[in-house]
């Protein structure tokens, strides 16, 4: 808890306990939850608090081992071959040269084997099962075998945080390697504490109104509920507009900061905002 608080991250006891155990036991921590609830921020704050290098692997559909682990710098290799031919060097010498460290392009998973790192594998649910299987092997031994160079092992395993928005289920085999925690939407008291910590420039009365309004929206039937990230962004936008309290016309004008789907904007704007404001008072 104190570790996260040092980075202005307001966590509940369950998240603090999960993080403590992950660090104490040396296990990866899998965080699931809706987008915008602060999963990625845990790794960022952790890296800053422990003075470690943050290495982020942003997952996407079609991500493969080459993009995540390492590649050879083919253009530089070809240039080296041409120069060697002009110099009359033997092929065996050239082969040893072009498959050496200076020609290796390290991707996030290989870089994370360096000492003093926090590895963030972000939005794992965007990848496919074959990549999960590949990842399972890496996280089990924290070592990589490069045929031309041999096996590279981590002298000190990285701290690993994985996140998922749960657009699909993560395979059980990977979940068993991790400690698991679900980050839900915060209650009003914790969200107000988060807003105070992350956006201290927001007037107190406005902060309370913003949190009450957002909490009320999360109880309605929207396609995509606003996360804590949207709450903070909306608060910053209102301050930029010199607001000290919520007003119907300003709420309607700034709903695009808080809501990310037009149907949701229409639904909220179509309802008398005064009604939501009154209910949030």
Protein backbone atom coordinates (compact mmCIF):
# COMPACT_ATOMS: atom_id res chain seq x y z
CA UNK A 1 0.00 0.00 0.00
CA UNK A 2 2.76 2.46 0.99
CA UNK A 3 4.70 1.59 -2.16
CA UNK A 4 1.75 2.50 -4.37
CA UNK A 5 0.84 5.52 -2.28
CA UNK A 6 4.34 6.89 -2.86
CA UNK A 7 3.43 7.05 -6.54
CA UNK A 8 0.02 8.69 -5.85
CA UNK A 9 -1.81 5.44 -6.56
CA UNK A 10 -4.74 4.93 -4.20
CA UNK A 11 -5.19 1.18 -3.79
CA UNK A 12 -7.47 -0.91 -1.66
CA UNK A 13 -6.19 -3.52 0.78
CA UNK A 14 -6.75 -6.47 -1.56
CA UNK A 15 -4.63 -4.98 -4.35
CA UNK A 16 -1.93 -3.99 -1.89
CA UNK A 17 -1.86 -7.53 -0.53
CA UNK A 18 -1.71 -9.10 -4.00
CA UNK A 19 1.18 -6.85 -4.98
CA UNK A 20 3.05 -7.55 -1.74
CA UNK A 21 2.73 -11.30 -2.25
CA UNK A 22 3.80 -11.06 -5.90
CA UNK A 23 6.97 -9.24 -4.85
CA UNK A 24 7.61 -11.47 -1.84
CA UNK A 25 7.09 -14.74 -3.70
CA UNK A 26 8.64 -13.63 -6.98
CA UNK A 27 5.50 -14.43 -8.98
CA UNK A 28 4.00 -12.57 -11.95
CA UNK A 29 0.86 -10.58 -11.12
CA UNK A 30 -2.09 -10.80 -13.51
CA UNK A 31 -4.46 -7.84 -13.23
CA UNK A 32 -7.86 -8.01 -14.90
CA UNK A 33 -10.60 -5.40 -15.03
CA UNK A 34 -12.38 -2.94 -17.26
CA UNK A 35 -10.36 -0.45 -19.29
CA UNK A 36 -9.37 2.67 -17.40
CA UNK A 37 -9.42 1.31 -13.85
CA UNK A 38 -5.65 1.65 -13.29
CA UNK A 39 -4.15 -1.73 -14.21
CA UNK A 40 -1.31 -0.37 -16.34
CA UNK A 41 -0.60 2.36 -13.81
CA UNK A 42 0.29 -0.26 -11.17
CA UNK A 43 3.37 -1.31 -13.16
CA UNK A 44 4.36 2.30 -13.87
CA UNK A 45 4.10 3.31 -10.23
CA UNK A 46 5.92 0.16 -9.14
CA UNK A 47 8.84 0.85 -11.47
CA UNK A 48 9.10 4.44 -10.24
CA UNK A 49 8.85 3.54 -6.57
CA UNK A 50 11.51 0.80 -6.83
CA UNK A 51 13.73 2.83 -9.18
CA UNK A 52 13.56 0.12 -11.83
CA UNK A 53 13.40 0.38 -15.59
CA UNK A 54 9.88 -0.14 -16.95
CA UNK A 55 9.75 -2.30 -20.07
CA UNK A 56 6.35 -2.44 -21.72
CA UNK A 57 5.17 -5.05 -24.19
CA UNK A 58 1.97 -3.70 -25.72
CA UNK A 59 0.03 -6.70 -26.98
CA UNK A 60 -2.01 -6.75 -30.19
CA UNK A 61 -3.59 -9.26 -32.53
CA UNK A 62 -0.89 -11.05 -34.52
CA UNK A 63 1.94 -10.32 -32.07
CA UNK A 64 4.63 -12.96 -32.56
CA UNK A 65 7.88 -14.03 -30.94
CA UNK A 66 10.05 -11.94 -33.26
CA UNK A 67 8.31 -8.70 -32.31
CA UNK A 68 8.25 -9.59 -28.61
CA UNK A 69 11.65 -11.24 -28.15
CA UNK A 70 14.36 -10.39 -30.69
CA UNK A 71 15.17 -9.92 -34.35
CA UNK A 72 18.36 -9.63 -36.34
CA UNK A 73 19.17 -6.31 -37.94
CA UNK A 74 18.94 -7.62 -41.49
CA UNK A 75 19.73 -4.33 -43.24
CA UNK A 76 22.88 -3.88 -41.18
CA UNK A 77 23.83 -7.53 -41.77
CA UNK A 78 23.49 -7.10 -45.53
CA UNK A 79 25.64 -3.99 -45.43
CA UNK A 80 28.28 -5.83 -43.42
CA UNK A 81 28.25 -8.69 -45.93
CA UNK A 82 28.78 -6.31 -48.86
CA UNK A 83 31.64 -4.57 -47.07
CA UNK A 84 33.21 -7.91 -46.21
CA UNK A 85 32.98 -9.05 -49.85
CA UNK A 86 34.72 -5.90 -50.99
CA UNK A 87 37.44 -6.49 -48.39
CA UNK A 88 37.81 -10.14 -49.43
CA UNK A 89 36.99 -11.57 -46.00
CA UNK A 90 36.15 -15.27 -45.60
CA UNK A 91 32.48 -16.26 -45.33
CA UNK A 92 32.97 -18.03 -41.98
CA UNK A 93 34.39 -14.86 -40.45
CA UNK A 94 31.53 -12.80 -41.83
CA UNK A 95 28.94 -15.26 -40.49
CA UNK A 96 30.39 -15.03 -36.98
CA UNK A 97 30.39 -11.27 -37.19
CA UNK A 98 26.85 -10.66 -38.41
CA UNK A 99 25.32 -13.02 -35.85
CA UNK A 100 26.77 -11.28 -32.81
CA UNK A 101 25.44 -8.87 -30.19
CA UNK A 102 25.93 -5.64 -32.21
CA UNK A 103 23.51 -6.95 -34.84
CA UNK A 104 20.86 -8.11 -32.38
CA UNK A 105 17.68 -6.07 -32.02
CA UNK A 106 16.41 -6.65 -28.51
CA UNK A 107 12.64 -6.57 -28.08
CA UNK A 108 10.83 -6.14 -24.73
CA UNK A 109 10.96 -9.75 -23.47
CA UNK A 110 14.70 -10.03 -24.08
CA UNK A 111 15.38 -6.59 -22.61
CA UNK A 112 13.43 -7.55 -19.50
CA UNK A 113 16.07 -10.19 -18.70
CA UNK A 114 18.46 -7.38 -17.80
CA UNK A 115 18.78 -6.68 -14.04
CA UNK A 116 16.51 -4.15 -12.36
CA UNK A 117 13.46 -4.21 -14.62
CA UNK A 118 9.69 -4.23 -14.33
CA UNK A 119 8.10 -6.03 -17.27
CA UNK A 120 4.60 -4.87 -18.17
CA UNK A 121 2.76 -7.19 -20.57
CA UNK A 122 -0.19 -4.96 -21.37
CA UNK A 123 -3.59 -6.12 -22.68
CA UNK A 124 -2.61 -9.77 -23.02
CA UNK A 125 -6.16 -10.63 -24.07
CA UNK A 126 -5.49 -8.99 -27.45
CA UNK A 127 -3.07 -11.78 -28.44
CA UNK A 128 -3.83 -15.41 -29.29
CA UNK A 129 -3.26 -18.73 -27.51
CA UNK A 130 -0.02 -19.65 -29.37
CA UNK A 131 1.57 -16.47 -28.06
CA UNK A 132 0.34 -17.28 -24.56
CA UNK A 133 2.05 -20.68 -24.82
CA UNK A 134 5.27 -19.02 -25.91
CA UNK A 135 4.98 -16.54 -23.06
CA UNK A 136 4.43 -19.35 -20.58
CA UNK A 137 7.86 -20.79 -21.39
CA UNK A 138 9.58 -17.43 -21.00
CA UNK A 139 7.93 -16.68 -17.65
CA UNK A 140 8.71 -20.15 -16.29
CA UNK A 141 12.50 -20.03 -16.71
CA UNK A 142 13.28 -16.38 -17.47
CA UNK A 143 15.70 -17.44 -20.14
CA UNK A 144 15.88 -17.28 -23.93
CA UNK A 145 17.85 -19.45 -26.32
CA UNK A 146 19.16 -17.71 -29.42
CA UNK A 147 20.59 -20.39 -31.75
CA UNK A 148 23.48 -18.20 -32.91
CA UNK A 149 24.40 -16.90 -29.44
CA UNK A 150 23.27 -19.55 -26.96
CA UNK A 151 21.08 -19.23 -23.87
CA UNK A 152 20.60 -15.85 -22.22
CA UNK A 153 19.42 -16.11 -18.62
CA UNK A 154 18.17 -13.44 -16.27
CA UNK A 155 20.62 -13.00 -13.40
CA UNK A 156 17.70 -11.50 -11.49
CA UNK A 157 14.15 -12.28 -12.67
CA UNK A 158 12.15 -9.17 -13.56
CA UNK A 159 9.07 -8.07 -11.69
CA UNK A 160 6.25 -9.00 -14.06
CA UNK A 161 2.81 -7.40 -14.29
CA UNK A 162 0.31 -8.66 -16.87
CA UNK A 163 -2.95 -6.89 -17.63
CA UNK A 164 -6.12 -7.99 -19.38
CA UNK A 165 -9.36 -6.20 -20.21
CA UNK A 166 -10.98 -9.63 -20.40
CA UNK A 167 -12.15 -9.39 -24.00
CA UNK A 168 -11.35 -13.11 -23.96
CA UNK A 169 -10.32 -15.56 -21.25
CA UNK A 170 -6.63 -16.05 -20.52
CA UNK A 171 -5.62 -19.72 -20.60
CA UNK A 172 -5.60 -21.52 -17.25
CA UNK A 173 -1.98 -22.64 -17.70
CA UNK A 174 -0.80 -19.04 -17.72
CA UNK A 175 -3.12 -18.00 -14.89
CA UNK A 176 -1.65 -20.75 -12.70
CA UNK A 177 1.81 -19.20 -13.08
CA UNK A 178 0.53 -15.87 -11.77
CA UNK A 179 -1.07 -14.34 -8.75
CA UNK A 180 -4.43 -12.95 -9.79
CA UNK A 181 -6.33 -9.80 -8.88
CA UNK A 182 -9.43 -8.16 -10.30
CA UNK A 183 -9.47 -4.35 -10.25
CA UNK A 184 -13.03 -3.08 -10.26
CA UNK A 185 -14.47 0.40 -10.35
CA UNK A 186 -13.74 2.20 -7.06
CA UNK A 187 -16.44 3.30 -4.68
CA UNK A 188 -17.10 7.01 -4.28
CA UNK A 189 -14.75 7.50 -1.32
CA UNK A 190 -11.76 5.88 -3.03
CA UNK A 191 -12.46 7.57 -6.36
CA UNK A 192 -12.51 10.94 -4.60
CA UNK A 193 -9.19 10.07 -2.96
CA UNK A 194 -7.79 9.10 -6.38
CA UNK A 195 -8.95 12.37 -7.90
CA UNK A 196 -7.41 14.37 -5.06
CA UNK A 197 -4.11 12.53 -5.52
CA UNK A 198 -3.95 12.62 -9.33
CA UNK A 199 -5.55 16.02 -9.95
CA UNK A 200 -4.98 18.15 -6.86
CA UNK A 201 -5.71 21.33 -8.84
CA UNK A 202 -9.44 20.45 -9.01
CA UNK A 203 -11.50 22.40 -6.44
CA UNK A 204 -12.87 20.23 -3.65
CA UNK A 205 -16.53 20.95 -4.36
CA UNK A 206 -16.07 20.21 -8.07
CA UNK A 207 -14.22 16.97 -7.25
CA UNK A 208 -17.09 15.78 -5.11
CA UNK A 209 -19.64 16.62 -7.80
CA UNK A 210 -17.59 14.91 -10.52
CA UNK A 211 -17.23 11.71 -8.51
CA UNK A 212 -20.92 11.66 -7.59
CA UNK A 213 -21.90 12.23 -11.23
CA UNK A 214 -19.60 9.49 -12.54
CA UNK A 215 -20.76 7.06 -9.87
CA UNK A 216 -24.33 7.75 -10.96
CA UNK A 217 -23.45 7.14 -14.62
CA UNK A 218 -21.93 3.76 -13.73
CA UNK A 219 -25.32 2.72 -12.35
CA UNK A 220 -26.98 3.41 -15.72
CA UNK A 221 -27.24 1.24 -18.81
CA UNK A 222 -24.32 2.47 -20.93
CA UNK A 223 -22.37 0.53 -23.54
CA UNK A 224 -19.03 1.52 -21.98
CA UNK A 225 -18.93 2.81 -18.45
CA UNK A 226 -16.40 5.57 -17.72
CA UNK A 227 -13.25 4.43 -15.94
CA UNK A 228 -11.12 6.27 -13.42
CA UNK A 229 -8.92 7.52 -16.25
CA UNK A 230 -11.95 9.24 -17.79
CA UNK A 231 -12.88 10.73 -14.42
CA UNK A 232 -9.44 12.32 -14.11
CA UNK A 233 -9.46 13.51 -17.73
CA UNK A 234 -12.91 15.04 -17.30
CA UNK A 235 -11.88 16.80 -14.11
CA UNK A 236 -8.82 18.27 -15.86
CA UNK A 237 -10.99 19.40 -18.78
CA UNK A 238 -13.44 21.15 -16.46
CA UNK A 239 -10.61 22.93 -14.68
CA UNK A 240 -9.24 24.01 -18.08
CA UNK A 241 -12.67 25.57 -18.71
CA UNK A 242 -12.43 27.46 -15.39
CA UNK A 243 -15.30 25.54 -13.82
CA UNK A 244 -15.73 25.50 -10.08
CA UNK A 245 -18.99 23.52 -10.12
CA UNK A 246 -20.89 21.28 -12.55
CA UNK A 247 -23.30 23.12 -14.78
CA UNK A 248 -25.71 21.42 -17.24
CA UNK A 249 -24.47 23.20 -20.37
CA UNK A 250 -20.81 22.47 -19.58
CA UNK A 251 -21.59 18.82 -18.75
CA UNK A 252 -23.28 18.38 -22.13
CA UNK A 253 -20.43 20.11 -23.93
CA UNK A 254 -17.76 17.88 -22.35
CA UNK A 255 -19.43 14.46 -22.38
CA UNK A 256 -17.01 13.36 -25.12
CA UNK A 257 -14.21 13.47 -22.57
CA UNK A 258 -16.07 11.18 -20.22
CA UNK A 259 -17.87 8.84 -22.65
CA UNK A 260 -16.26 7.21 -25.67
CA UNK A 261 -19.25 5.99 -27.66
CA UNK A 262 -21.72 8.24 -29.45
CA UNK A 263 -24.70 6.14 -28.38
CA UNK A 264 -23.72 6.70 -24.75
CA UNK A 265 -23.25 10.44 -25.30
CA UNK A 266 -26.70 10.66 -26.91
CA UNK A 267 -28.27 8.63 -24.13
CA UNK A 268 -26.84 10.82 -21.37
CA UNK A 269 -27.33 14.09 -23.23
CA UNK A 270 -30.90 13.07 -24.08
CA UNK A 271 -31.74 12.76 -20.43
CA UNK A 272 -32.12 16.03 -18.55
CA UNK A 273 -28.65 16.59 -17.13
CA UNK A 274 -30.22 18.59 -14.33
CA UNK A 275 -31.82 15.34 -13.21
CA UNK A 276 -28.48 13.54 -13.01
CA UNK A 277 -26.91 16.53 -11.30
CA UNK A 278 -29.71 16.62 -8.75
CA UNK A 279 -29.35 12.91 -8.08
CA UNK A 280 -25.61 13.39 -7.69
CA UNK A 281 -25.88 16.31 -5.30
